Amino acid sequence: MDEGAKTKTGPTRIRWESAMRDKALVKLKDMQLLQTRAEHFTAALESGTVSTNMFLRRLHSFALDTGWLPWPVLPRKRWPKIVYGDKRGITLGEHQRILAAETNTELRDYYELLWHVGGSQTDMALLATDNVDWENRTISYARVKTGQIAIVRFNDTLAEILKRRSKEGYLFSQLAKWNQDIRAKYFRRRIDGLGITGITLHSYRYAWAERAKSCGFPERFAQEALGHSSKLIARAYAKKAKILVPPLDEYERKYQNANGSHSDSTAELTIR
């Protein structure tokens, strides 16, 4: 458990160390690896949660990869399937209710930024004035979790939000000092007071992806905005988006009008 943490950095390491305090895993902590049997794993999995299943798998793989275990404690087919809880995006109505109830201007602007940009709660909280290019009207940052670069253009609505924030250093000076648990606690307190259930701060990320898919936003742009190189990740975020498919000829006319020509040669050139 301790050696596994050494292979992690930043928020990923914090999540790992937090997971190692799982009550179901703590029972295994003082056991010698070679004395660990399948029934010990089974007991931990039965008393634990989805997180227990995920991290015990990682611990098991790590011990096998390092050669500390000569063979699996629990065969692959014997691991219970990981079943994630239902996740959804925050709705526009819920977002507007939260803004109306929030008296802290920094938190209100923060929630607005999450709605418009779709970034993770930590990435958005750590944005600084250096991340904003007013000349090109872009926000650019490296994701804390993956290092993936995201560059997003902003419109007048988002510009007004950015203008209200700090003129130097972090845009959200207070939020930047808080860890993700504290930010989540304040958000939870707000939605509990409003009687809103089934969402977390991460739901803003799901909502952005769902909105992008619903309006036909190109998937490659969504990947860049979300800071994910994997199409599977972007699709997972948007899996609950409802798509109203327009008539092909209507969409085709819009495409032709946008390109200013109906000729096959021009269309072919544009596609290339």
C-alpha atoms as a PDB file:
ATOM      1  CA  MET A   1       0.000   0.000   0.000  1.00  0.00           C
ATOM      2  CA  ASP A   2       2.783   2.436   0.905  1.00  0.00           C
ATOM      3  CA  GLU A   3       4.928   1.537  -2.106  1.00  0.00           C
ATOM      4  CA  GLY A   4       1.956   1.933  -4.431  1.00  0.00           C
ATOM      5  CA  ALA A   5       1.475   5.499  -3.203  1.00  0.00           C
ATOM      6  CA  LYS A   6       5.071   6.321  -4.166  1.00  0.00           C
ATOM      7  CA  THR A   7       4.235   5.705  -7.825  1.00  0.00           C
ATOM      8  CA  LYS A   8       1.518   8.410  -7.742  1.00  0.00           C
ATOM      9  CA  THR A   9       1.699  12.193  -7.742  1.00  0.00           C
ATOM     10  CA  GLY A  10      -0.614  15.135  -7.059  1.00  0.00           C
ATOM     11  CA  PRO A  11      -4.348  14.522  -6.594  1.00  0.00           C
ATOM     12  CA  THR A  12      -3.945  10.903  -7.744  1.00  0.00           C
ATOM     13  CA  ARG A  13      -1.647  10.204  -4.805  1.00  0.00           C
ATOM     14  CA  ILE A  14      -4.067  11.907  -2.415  1.00  0.00           C
ATOM     15  CA  ARG A  15      -6.903   9.706  -3.698  1.00  0.00           C
ATOM     16  CA  TRP A  16      -4.707   6.604  -3.363  1.00  0.00           C
ATOM     17  CA  GLU A  17      -3.717   7.391   0.234  1.00  0.00           C
ATOM     18  CA  SER A  18      -7.343   8.135   1.094  1.00  0.00           C
ATOM     19  CA  ALA A  19      -8.438   4.817  -0.429  1.00  0.00           C
ATOM     20  CA  MET A  20      -5.881   2.932   1.658  1.00  0.00           C
ATOM     21  CA  ARG A  21      -7.784   4.088   4.751  1.00  0.00           C
ATOM     22  CA  ASP A  22     -10.861   2.182   3.559  1.00  0.00           C
ATOM     23  CA  LYS A  23     -12.059   0.076   6.507  1.00  0.00           C
ATOM     24  CA  ALA A  24     -12.380  -2.985   4.268  1.00  0.00           C
ATOM     25  CA  LEU A  25      -8.742  -2.650   3.163  1.00  0.00           C
ATOM     26  CA  VAL A  26      -7.346  -1.780   6.589  1.00  0.00           C
ATOM     27  CA  LYS A  27      -8.143  -5.343   7.676  1.00  0.00           C
ATOM     28  CA  LEU A  28      -5.573  -6.572   5.133  1.00  0.00           C
ATOM     29  CA  LYS A  29      -2.912  -4.029   5.981  1.00  0.00           C
ATOM     30  CA  ASP A  30      -1.035  -6.011   8.629  1.00  0.00           C
ATOM     31  CA  MET A  31      -1.167  -9.325   6.763  1.00  0.00           C
ATOM     32  CA  GLN A  32       1.887 -10.734   5.028  1.00  0.00           C
ATOM     33  CA  LEU A  33       1.363 -10.931   1.270  1.00  0.00           C
ATOM     34  CA  LEU A  34       2.220 -14.609   0.985  1.00  0.00           C
ATOM     35  CA  GLN A  35      -0.226 -15.467   3.761  1.00  0.00           C
ATOM     36  CA  THR A  36      -3.128 -13.653   2.089  1.00  0.00           C
ATOM     37  CA  ARG A  37      -5.767 -16.058   0.791  1.00  0.00           C
ATOM     38  CA  ALA A  38      -8.758 -15.744  -1.496  1.00  0.00           C
ATOM     39  CA  GLU A  39     -11.202 -15.703   1.418  1.00  0.00           C
ATOM     40  CA  HIS A  40      -9.469 -12.611   2.824  1.00  0.00           C
ATOM     41  CA  PHE A  41      -9.989 -10.768  -0.453  1.00  0.00           C
ATOM     42  CA  THR A  42     -13.566 -12.010  -0.723  1.00  0.00           C
ATOM     43  CA  ALA A  43     -14.382 -10.782   2.777  1.00  0.00           C
ATOM     44  CA  ALA A  44     -12.922  -7.341   2.005  1.00  0.00           C
ATOM     45  CA  LEU A  45     -14.866  -7.093  -1.255  1.00  0.00           C
ATOM     46  CA  GLU A  46     -18.132  -8.125   0.389  1.00  0.00           C
ATOM     47  CA  SER A  47     -17.820  -5.568   3.188  1.00  0.00           C
ATOM     48  CA  GLY A  48     -16.438  -2.815   0.980  1.00  0.00           C
ATOM     49  CA  THR A  49     -17.666  -0.570  -1.806  1.00  0.00           C
ATOM     50  CA  VAL A  50     -16.969  -0.028  -5.508  1.00  0.00           C
ATOM     51  CA  SER A  51     -13.857   1.885  -4.460  1.00  0.00           C
ATOM     52  CA  THR A  52     -12.674  -1.144  -2.449  1.00  0.00           C
ATOM     53  CA  ASN A  53     -12.991  -3.320  -5.547  1.00  0.00           C
ATOM     54  CA  MET A  54     -11.112  -0.843  -7.723  1.00  0.00           C
ATOM     55  CA  PHE A  55      -8.198  -0.249  -5.376  1.00  0.00           C
ATOM     56  CA  LEU A  56      -7.813  -3.844  -4.231  1.00  0.00           C
ATOM     57  CA  ARG A  57      -7.478  -4.809  -7.901  1.00  0.00           C
ATOM     58  CA  ARG A  58      -4.752  -2.181  -8.291  1.00  0.00           C
ATOM     59  CA  LEU A  59      -2.939  -3.373  -5.181  1.00  0.00           C
ATOM     60  CA  HIS A  60      -3.160  -6.959  -6.385  1.00  0.00           C
ATOM     61  CA  SER A  61      -1.810  -6.086  -9.853  1.00  0.00           C
ATOM     62  CA  PHE A  62       0.974  -3.996  -8.324  1.00  0.00           C
ATOM     63  CA  ALA A  63       2.077  -6.883  -6.083  1.00  0.00           C
ATOM     64  CA  LEU A  64       2.053  -9.286  -9.053  1.00  0.00           C
ATOM     65  CA  ASP A  65       3.965  -6.879 -11.301  1.00  0.00           C
ATOM     66  CA  THR A  66       6.684  -6.371  -8.701  1.00  0.00           C
ATOM     67  CA  GLY A  67       7.043 -10.104  -8.128  1.00  0.00           C
ATOM     68  CA  TRP A  68       5.981  -9.865  -4.497  1.00  0.00           C
ATOM     69  CA  LEU A  69       3.218 -12.353  -5.262  1.00  0.00           C
ATOM     70  CA  PRO A  70       4.197 -15.466  -7.244  1.00  0.00           C
ATOM     71  CA  TRP A  71       0.604 -16.092  -8.354  1.00  0.00           C
ATOM     72  CA  PRO A  72      -2.818 -14.379  -8.039  1.00  0.00           C
ATOM     73  CA  VAL A  73      -4.549 -14.429  -4.670  1.00  0.00           C
ATOM     74  CA  LEU A  74      -7.912 -14.294  -6.429  1.00  0.00           C
ATOM     75  CA  PRO A  75      -8.257 -15.480 -10.058  1.00  0.00           C
ATOM     76  CA  ARG A  76      -9.482 -12.868 -12.508  1.00  0.00           C
ATOM     77  CA  LYS A  77     -12.834 -14.581 -13.063  1.00  0.00           C
ATOM     78  CA  ARG A  78     -13.521 -14.583  -9.315  1.00  0.00           C
ATOM     79  CA  TRP A  79     -13.420 -10.812  -8.922  1.00  0.00           C
ATOM     80  CA  PRO A  80     -16.919  -9.296  -8.637  1.00  0.00           C
ATOM     81  CA  LYS A  81     -17.840  -6.982 -11.484  1.00  0.00           C
ATOM     82  CA  ILE A  82     -17.336  -3.272 -10.814  1.00  0.00           C
ATOM     83  CA  VAL A  83     -20.766  -1.621 -10.974  1.00  0.00           C
ATOM     84  CA  TYR A  84     -20.622   2.144 -10.803  1.00  0.00           C
ATOM     85  CA  GLY A  85     -23.424   4.213  -9.335  1.00  0.00           C
ATOM     86  CA  ASP A  86     -25.643   6.203 -11.661  1.00  0.00           C
ATOM     87  CA  LYS A  87     -24.118   9.537 -12.679  1.00  0.00           C
ATOM     88  CA  ARG A  88     -25.734  12.458 -14.417  1.00  0.00           C
ATOM     89  CA  GLY A  89     -25.088  16.017 -15.421  1.00  0.00           C
ATOM     90  CA  ILE A  90     -26.491  18.986 -13.560  1.00  0.00           C
ATOM     91  CA  THR A  91     -29.459  20.551 -15.341  1.00  0.00           C
ATOM     92  CA  LEU A  92     -29.741  24.201 -16.331  1.00  0.00           C
ATOM     93  CA  GLY A  93     -32.591  24.641 -13.858  1.00  0.00           C
ATOM     94  CA  GLU A  94     -30.535  23.201 -10.992  1.00  0.00           C
ATOM     95  CA  HIS A  95     -27.560  25.350 -11.960  1.00  0.00           C
ATOM     96  CA  GLN A  96     -29.692  28.505 -11.969  1.00  0.00           C
ATOM     97  CA  ARG A  97     -31.173  27.652  -8.568  1.00  0.00           C
ATOM     98  CA  ILE A  98     -27.690  27.185  -7.126  1.00  0.00           C
ATOM     99  CA  LEU A  99     -26.524  30.536  -8.514  1.00  0.00           C
ATOM    100  CA  ALA A 100     -29.603  32.292  -7.152  1.00  0.00           C
ATOM    101  CA  ALA A 101     -29.051  30.863  -3.669  1.00  0.00           C
ATOM    102  CA  GLU A 102     -25.268  31.306  -3.492  1.00  0.00           C
ATOM    103  CA  THR A 103     -24.233  34.479  -1.641  1.00  0.00           C
ATOM    104  CA  ASN A 104     -20.484  33.914  -1.940  1.00  0.00           C
ATOM    105  CA  THR A 105     -19.491  35.722  -5.166  1.00  0.00           C
ATOM    106  CA  GLU A 106     -16.343  33.636  -5.610  1.00  0.00           C
ATOM    107  CA  LEU A 107     -18.269  30.374  -5.419  1.00  0.00           C
ATOM    108  CA  ARG A 108     -20.980  31.729  -7.722  1.00  0.00           C
ATOM    109  CA  ASP A 109     -18.433  32.707 -10.390  1.00  0.00           C
ATOM    110  CA  TYR A 110     -16.738  29.346  -9.920  1.00  0.00           C
ATOM    111  CA  TYR A 111     -19.967  27.443 -10.608  1.00  0.00           C
ATOM    112  CA  GLU A 112     -20.565  29.640 -13.657  1.00  0.00           C
ATOM    113  CA  LEU A 113     -17.088  28.800 -14.952  1.00  0.00           C
ATOM    114  CA  LEU A 114     -17.699  25.079 -14.439  1.00  0.00           C
ATOM    115  CA  TRP A 115     -20.940  25.356 -16.432  1.00  0.00           C
ATOM    116  CA  HIS A 116     -19.357  27.187 -19.362  1.00  0.00           C
ATOM    117  CA  VAL A 117     -15.968  25.458 -19.562  1.00  0.00           C
ATOM    118  CA  GLY A 118     -16.612  21.899 -18.372  1.00  0.00           C
ATOM    119  CA  GLY A 119     -13.265  21.635 -16.608  1.00  0.00           C
ATOM    120  CA  SER A 120     -12.662  19.524 -13.521  1.00  0.00           C
ATOM    121  CA  GLN A 121     -13.275  21.186 -10.176  1.00  0.00           C
ATOM    122  CA  THR A 122      -9.554  21.252  -9.299  1.00  0.00           C
ATOM    123  CA  ASP A 123      -8.363  22.526 -12.686  1.00  0.00           C
ATOM    124  CA  MET A 124     -10.873  25.381 -12.606  1.00  0.00           C
ATOM    125  CA  ALA A 125     -10.112  26.299  -8.979  1.00  0.00           C
ATOM    126  CA  LEU A 126      -6.402  26.573  -9.816  1.00  0.00           C
ATOM    127  CA  LEU A 127      -6.789  28.804 -12.865  1.00  0.00           C
ATOM    128  CA  ALA A 128      -4.624  31.917 -12.687  1.00  0.00           C
ATOM    129  CA  THR A 129      -4.453  35.133 -14.672  1.00  0.00           C
ATOM    130  CA  ASP A 130      -1.579  33.608 -16.667  1.00  0.00           C
ATOM    131  CA  ASN A 131      -4.013  31.003 -18.010  1.00  0.00           C
ATOM    132  CA  VAL A 132      -6.173  33.692 -19.633  1.00  0.00           C
ATOM    133  CA  ASP A 133      -5.120  35.118 -23.006  1.00  0.00           C
ATOM    134  CA  TRP A 134      -7.278  38.197 -23.527  1.00  0.00           C
ATOM    135  CA  GLU A 135      -5.841  38.981 -26.948  1.00  0.00           C
ATOM    136  CA  ASN A 136      -6.867  35.604 -28.375  1.00  0.00           C
ATOM    137  CA  ARG A 137      -9.730  35.165 -25.855  1.00  0.00           C
ATOM    138  CA  THR A 138      -8.631  31.730 -24.717  1.00  0.00           C
ATOM    139  CA  ILE A 139      -8.212  29.858 -21.453  1.00  0.00           C
ATOM    140  CA  SER A 140      -5.363  27.344 -21.545  1.00  0.00           C
ATOM    141  CA  TYR A 141      -4.181  25.016 -18.799  1.00  0.00           C
ATOM    142  CA  ALA A 142      -2.570  21.626 -18.189  1.00  0.00           C
ATOM    143  CA  ARG A 143      -4.848  19.176 -16.408  1.00  0.00           C
ATOM    144  CA  VAL A 144      -3.572  18.384 -12.916  1.00  0.00           C
ATOM    145  CA  LYS A 145      -4.660  14.755 -13.228  1.00  0.00           C
ATOM    146  CA  THR A 146      -3.240  13.873 -16.658  1.00  0.00           C
ATOM    147  CA  GLY A 147      -1.050  16.749 -17.806  1.00  0.00           C
ATOM    148  CA  GLN A 148      -3.205  16.962 -20.949  1.00  0.00           C
ATOM    149  CA  ILE A 149      -3.335  20.500 -22.377  1.00  0.00           C
ATOM    150  CA  ALA A 150      -6.752  22.104 -22.812  1.00  0.00           C
ATOM    151  CA  ILE A 151      -7.251  25.356 -24.750  1.00  0.00           C
ATOM    152  CA  VAL A 152     -10.766  26.809 -24.776  1.00  0.00           C
ATOM    153  CA  ARG A 153     -11.985  30.001 -26.436  1.00  0.00           C
ATOM    154  CA  PHE A 154     -14.357  32.158 -24.419  1.00  0.00           C
ATOM    155  CA  ASN A 155     -17.242  34.397 -25.443  1.00  0.00           C
ATOM    156  CA  ASP A 156     -18.574  37.645 -23.975  1.00  0.00           C
ATOM    157  CA  THR A 157     -20.538  35.828 -21.255  1.00  0.00           C
ATOM    158  CA  LEU A 158     -17.465  34.086 -19.916  1.00  0.00           C
ATOM    159  CA  ALA A 159     -15.395  37.247 -20.400  1.00  0.00           C
ATOM    160  CA  GLU A 160     -17.666  39.083 -17.946  1.00  0.00           C
ATOM    161  CA  ILE A 161     -17.096  36.347 -15.358  1.00  0.00           C
ATOM    162  CA  LEU A 162     -13.320  36.480 -15.836  1.00  0.00           C
ATOM    163  CA  LYS A 163     -13.287  40.276 -15.505  1.00  0.00           C
ATOM    164  CA  ARG A 164     -14.848  39.963 -12.051  1.00  0.00           C
ATOM    165  CA  ARG A 165     -12.069  37.740 -10.786  1.00  0.00           C
ATOM    166  CA  SER A 166      -8.644  38.572  -9.335  1.00  0.00           C
ATOM    167  CA  LYS A 167      -6.387  40.616 -11.604  1.00  0.00           C
ATOM    168  CA  GLU A 168      -3.261  38.742 -10.558  1.00  0.00           C
ATOM    169  CA  GLY A 169      -2.467  35.301  -9.185  1.00  0.00           C
ATOM    170  CA  TYR A 170      -5.279  32.784  -8.863  1.00  0.00           C
ATOM    171  CA  LEU A 171      -8.667  33.764 -10.276  1.00  0.00           C
ATOM    172  CA  PHE A 172     -10.270  32.158  -7.217  1.00  0.00           C
ATOM    173  CA  SER A 173      -7.864  33.054  -4.433  1.00  0.00           C
ATOM    174  CA  GLN A 174      -9.835  31.304  -1.673  1.00  0.00           C
ATOM    175  CA  LEU A 175     -10.868  28.206  -3.630  1.00  0.00           C
ATOM    176  CA  ALA A 176      -7.281  27.626  -4.760  1.00  0.00           C
ATOM    177  CA  LYS A 177      -6.323  27.112  -1.107  1.00  0.00           C
ATOM    178  CA  TRP A 178      -9.017  24.506  -0.528  1.00  0.00           C
ATOM    179  CA  ASN A 179      -8.634  20.848  -1.433  1.00  0.00           C
ATOM    180  CA  GLN A 180     -11.300  19.064  -3.446  1.00  0.00           C
ATOM    181  CA  ASP A 181     -12.995  17.700  -0.326  1.00  0.00           C
ATOM    182  CA  ILE A 182     -13.622  21.173   1.076  1.00  0.00           C
ATOM    183  CA  ARG A 183     -14.967  22.463  -2.259  1.00  0.00           C
ATOM    184  CA  ALA A 184     -17.218  19.407  -2.464  1.00  0.00           C
ATOM    185  CA  LYS A 185     -18.442  19.988   1.100  1.00  0.00           C
ATOM    186  CA  TYR A 186     -19.532  23.558   0.346  1.00  0.00           C
ATOM    187  CA  PHE A 187     -21.305  22.429  -2.809  1.00  0.00           C
ATOM    188  CA  ARG A 188     -23.027  19.606  -0.947  1.00  0.00           C
ATOM    189  CA  ARG A 189     -24.208  22.016   1.725  1.00  0.00           C
ATOM    190  CA  ARG A 190     -25.700  24.276  -0.950  1.00  0.00           C
ATOM    191  CA  ILE A 191     -27.593  21.578  -2.868  1.00  0.00           C
ATOM    192  CA  ASP A 192     -28.803  19.930   0.340  1.00  0.00           C
ATOM    193  CA  GLY A 193     -30.353  23.241   1.325  1.00  0.00           C
ATOM    194  CA  LEU A 194     -32.104  23.395  -2.038  1.00  0.00           C
ATOM    195  CA  GLY A 195     -33.271  19.791  -1.921  1.00  0.00           C
ATOM    196  CA  ILE A 196     -31.273  18.852  -5.022  1.00  0.00           C
ATOM    197  CA  THR A 197     -30.033  15.252  -5.121  1.00  0.00           C
ATOM    198  CA  GLY A 198     -27.976  13.013  -7.378  1.00  0.00           C
ATOM    199  CA  ILE A 199     -25.251  15.479  -8.341  1.00  0.00           C
ATOM    200  CA  THR A 200     -21.742  16.503  -7.299  1.00  0.00           C
ATOM    201  CA  LEU A 201     -19.337  19.152  -8.573  1.00  0.00           C
ATOM    202  CA  HIS A 202     -18.241  16.587 -11.149  1.00  0.00           C
ATOM    203  CA  SER A 203     -21.775  16.712 -12.568  1.00  0.00           C
ATOM    204  CA  TYR A 204     -20.871  20.026 -14.207  1.00  0.00           C
ATOM    205  CA  ARG A 205     -18.384  18.093 -16.314  1.00  0.00           C
ATOM    206  CA  TYR A 206     -21.018  15.567 -17.338  1.00  0.00           C
ATOM    207  CA  ALA A 207     -23.465  18.365 -18.120  1.00  0.00           C
ATOM    208  CA  TRP A 208     -20.988  20.128 -20.405  1.00  0.00           C
ATOM    209  CA  ALA A 209     -20.321  16.925 -22.347  1.00  0.00           C
ATOM    210  CA  GLU A 210     -24.027  16.133 -22.634  1.00  0.00           C
ATOM    211  CA  ARG A 211     -24.794  19.652 -23.882  1.00  0.00           C
ATOM    212  CA  ALA A 212     -21.946  19.443 -26.385  1.00  0.00           C
ATOM    213  CA  LYS A 213     -23.182  16.161 -27.798  1.00  0.00           C
ATOM    214  CA  SER A 214     -26.812  17.273 -27.920  1.00  0.00           C
ATOM    215  CA  CYS A 215     -26.031  20.295 -30.080  1.00  0.00           C
ATOM    216  CA  GLY A 216     -23.701  18.409 -32.443  1.00  0.00           C
ATOM    217  CA  PHE A 217     -20.434  19.835 -31.086  1.00  0.00           C
ATOM    218  CA  PRO A 218     -17.577  17.944 -32.821  1.00  0.00           C
ATOM    219  CA  GLU A 219     -16.227  15.140 -30.672  1.00  0.00           C
ATOM    220  CA  ARG A 220     -12.592  16.092 -31.241  1.00  0.00           C
ATOM    221  CA  PHE A 221     -13.304  19.581 -29.856  1.00  0.00           C
ATOM    222  CA  ALA A 222     -15.079  18.060 -26.865  1.00  0.00           C
ATOM    223  CA  GLN A 223     -12.041  15.868 -26.192  1.00  0.00           C
ATOM    224  CA  GLU A 224      -9.784  18.922 -26.213  1.00  0.00           C
ATOM    225  CA  ALA A 225     -12.094  20.919 -23.958  1.00  0.00           C
ATOM    226  CA  LEU A 226     -12.461  18.057 -21.481  1.00  0.00           C
ATOM    227  CA  GLY A 227      -8.708  17.481 -21.512  1.00  0.00           C
ATOM    228  CA  HIS A 228      -9.032  13.827 -22.510  1.00  0.00           C
ATOM    229  CA  SER A 229      -7.169  12.141 -25.352  1.00  0.00           C
ATOM    230  CA  SER A 230      -9.483   9.139 -25.205  1.00  0.00           C
ATOM    231  CA  LYS A 231     -12.725   9.191 -27.192  1.00  0.00           C
ATOM    232  CA  LEU A 232     -14.103   6.580 -24.798  1.00  0.00           C
ATOM    233  CA  ILE A 233     -13.821   9.000 -21.885  1.00  0.00           C
ATOM    234  CA  ALA A 234     -15.570  11.803 -23.754  1.00  0.00           C
ATOM    235  CA  ARG A 235     -18.346   9.416 -24.833  1.00  0.00           C
ATOM    236  CA  ALA A 236     -18.771   8.137 -21.273  1.00  0.00           C
ATOM    237  CA  TYR A 237     -19.356  11.683 -20.034  1.00  0.00           C
ATOM    238  CA  ALA A 238     -21.973  12.299 -22.716  1.00  0.00           C
ATOM    239  CA  LYS A 239     -23.734   8.918 -22.638  1.00  0.00           C
ATOM    240  CA  LYS A 240     -27.000  10.391 -21.320  1.00  0.00           C
ATOM    241  CA  ALA A 241     -27.208  13.161 -23.905  1.00  0.00           C
ATOM    242  CA  LYS A 242     -30.439  13.183 -25.881  1.00  0.00           C
ATOM    243  CA  ILE A 243     -29.914  13.756 -29.582  1.00  0.00           C
ATOM    244  CA  LEU A 244     -32.612  15.097 -31.886  1.00  0.00           C
ATOM    245  CA  VAL A 245     -31.432  13.996 -35.335  1.00  0.00           C
ATOM    246  CA  PRO A 246     -32.300  16.595 -38.016  1.00  0.00           C
ATOM    247  CA  PRO A 247     -33.389  15.634 -41.569  1.00  0.00           C
ATOM    248  CA  LEU A 248     -30.280  14.947 -43.645  1.00  0.00           C
ATOM    249  CA  ASP A 249     -31.299  17.310 -46.446  1.00  0.00           C
ATOM    250  CA  GLU A 250     -31.787  20.147 -43.943  1.00  0.00           C
ATOM    251  CA  TYR A 251     -28.353  19.586 -42.429  1.00  0.00           C
ATOM    252  CA  GLU A 252     -26.897  19.229 -45.933  1.00  0.00           C
ATOM    253  CA  ARG A 253     -28.330  22.616 -46.993  1.00  0.00           C
ATOM    254  CA  LYS A 254     -26.813  24.282 -43.930  1.00  0.00           C
ATOM    255  CA  TYR A 255     -23.473  22.707 -44.774  1.00  0.00           C
ATOM    256  CA  GLN A 256     -23.620  23.876 -48.392  1.00  0.00           C
ATOM    257  CA  ASN A 257     -24.659  27.398 -47.422  1.00  0.00           C
ATOM    258  CA  ALA A 258     -21.818  27.593 -44.917  1.00  0.00           C
ATOM    259  CA  ASN A 259     -19.326  26.635 -47.636  1.00  0.00           C
ATOM    260  CA  GLY A 260     -20.860  28.990 -50.170  1.00  0.00           C
ATOM    261  CA  SER A 261     -21.093  26.428 -52.967  1.00  0.00           C
ATOM    262  CA  HIS A 262     -23.141  23.464 -54.102  1.00  0.00           C
ATOM    263  CA  SER A 263     -20.495  21.955 -56.343  1.00  0.00           C
ATOM    264  CA  ASP A 264     -19.069  18.513 -55.682  1.00  0.00           C
ATOM    265  CA  SER A 265     -15.528  19.758 -56.204  1.00  0.00           C
ATOM    266  CA  THR A 266     -15.869  22.408 -53.486  1.00  0.00           C
ATOM    267  CA  ALA A 267     -17.427  19.919 -51.083  1.00  0.00           C
ATOM    268  CA  GLU A 268     -14.618  17.478 -51.725  1.00  0.00           C
ATOM    269  CA  LEU A 269     -12.022  20.198 -51.139  1.00  0.00           C
ATOM    270  CA  THR A 270     -13.705  21.213 -47.873  1.00  0.00           C
ATOM    271  CA  ILE A 271     -13.844  17.623 -46.611  1.00  0.00           C
ATOM    272  CA  ARG A 272     -10.172  17.186 -47.281  1.00  0.00           C
END
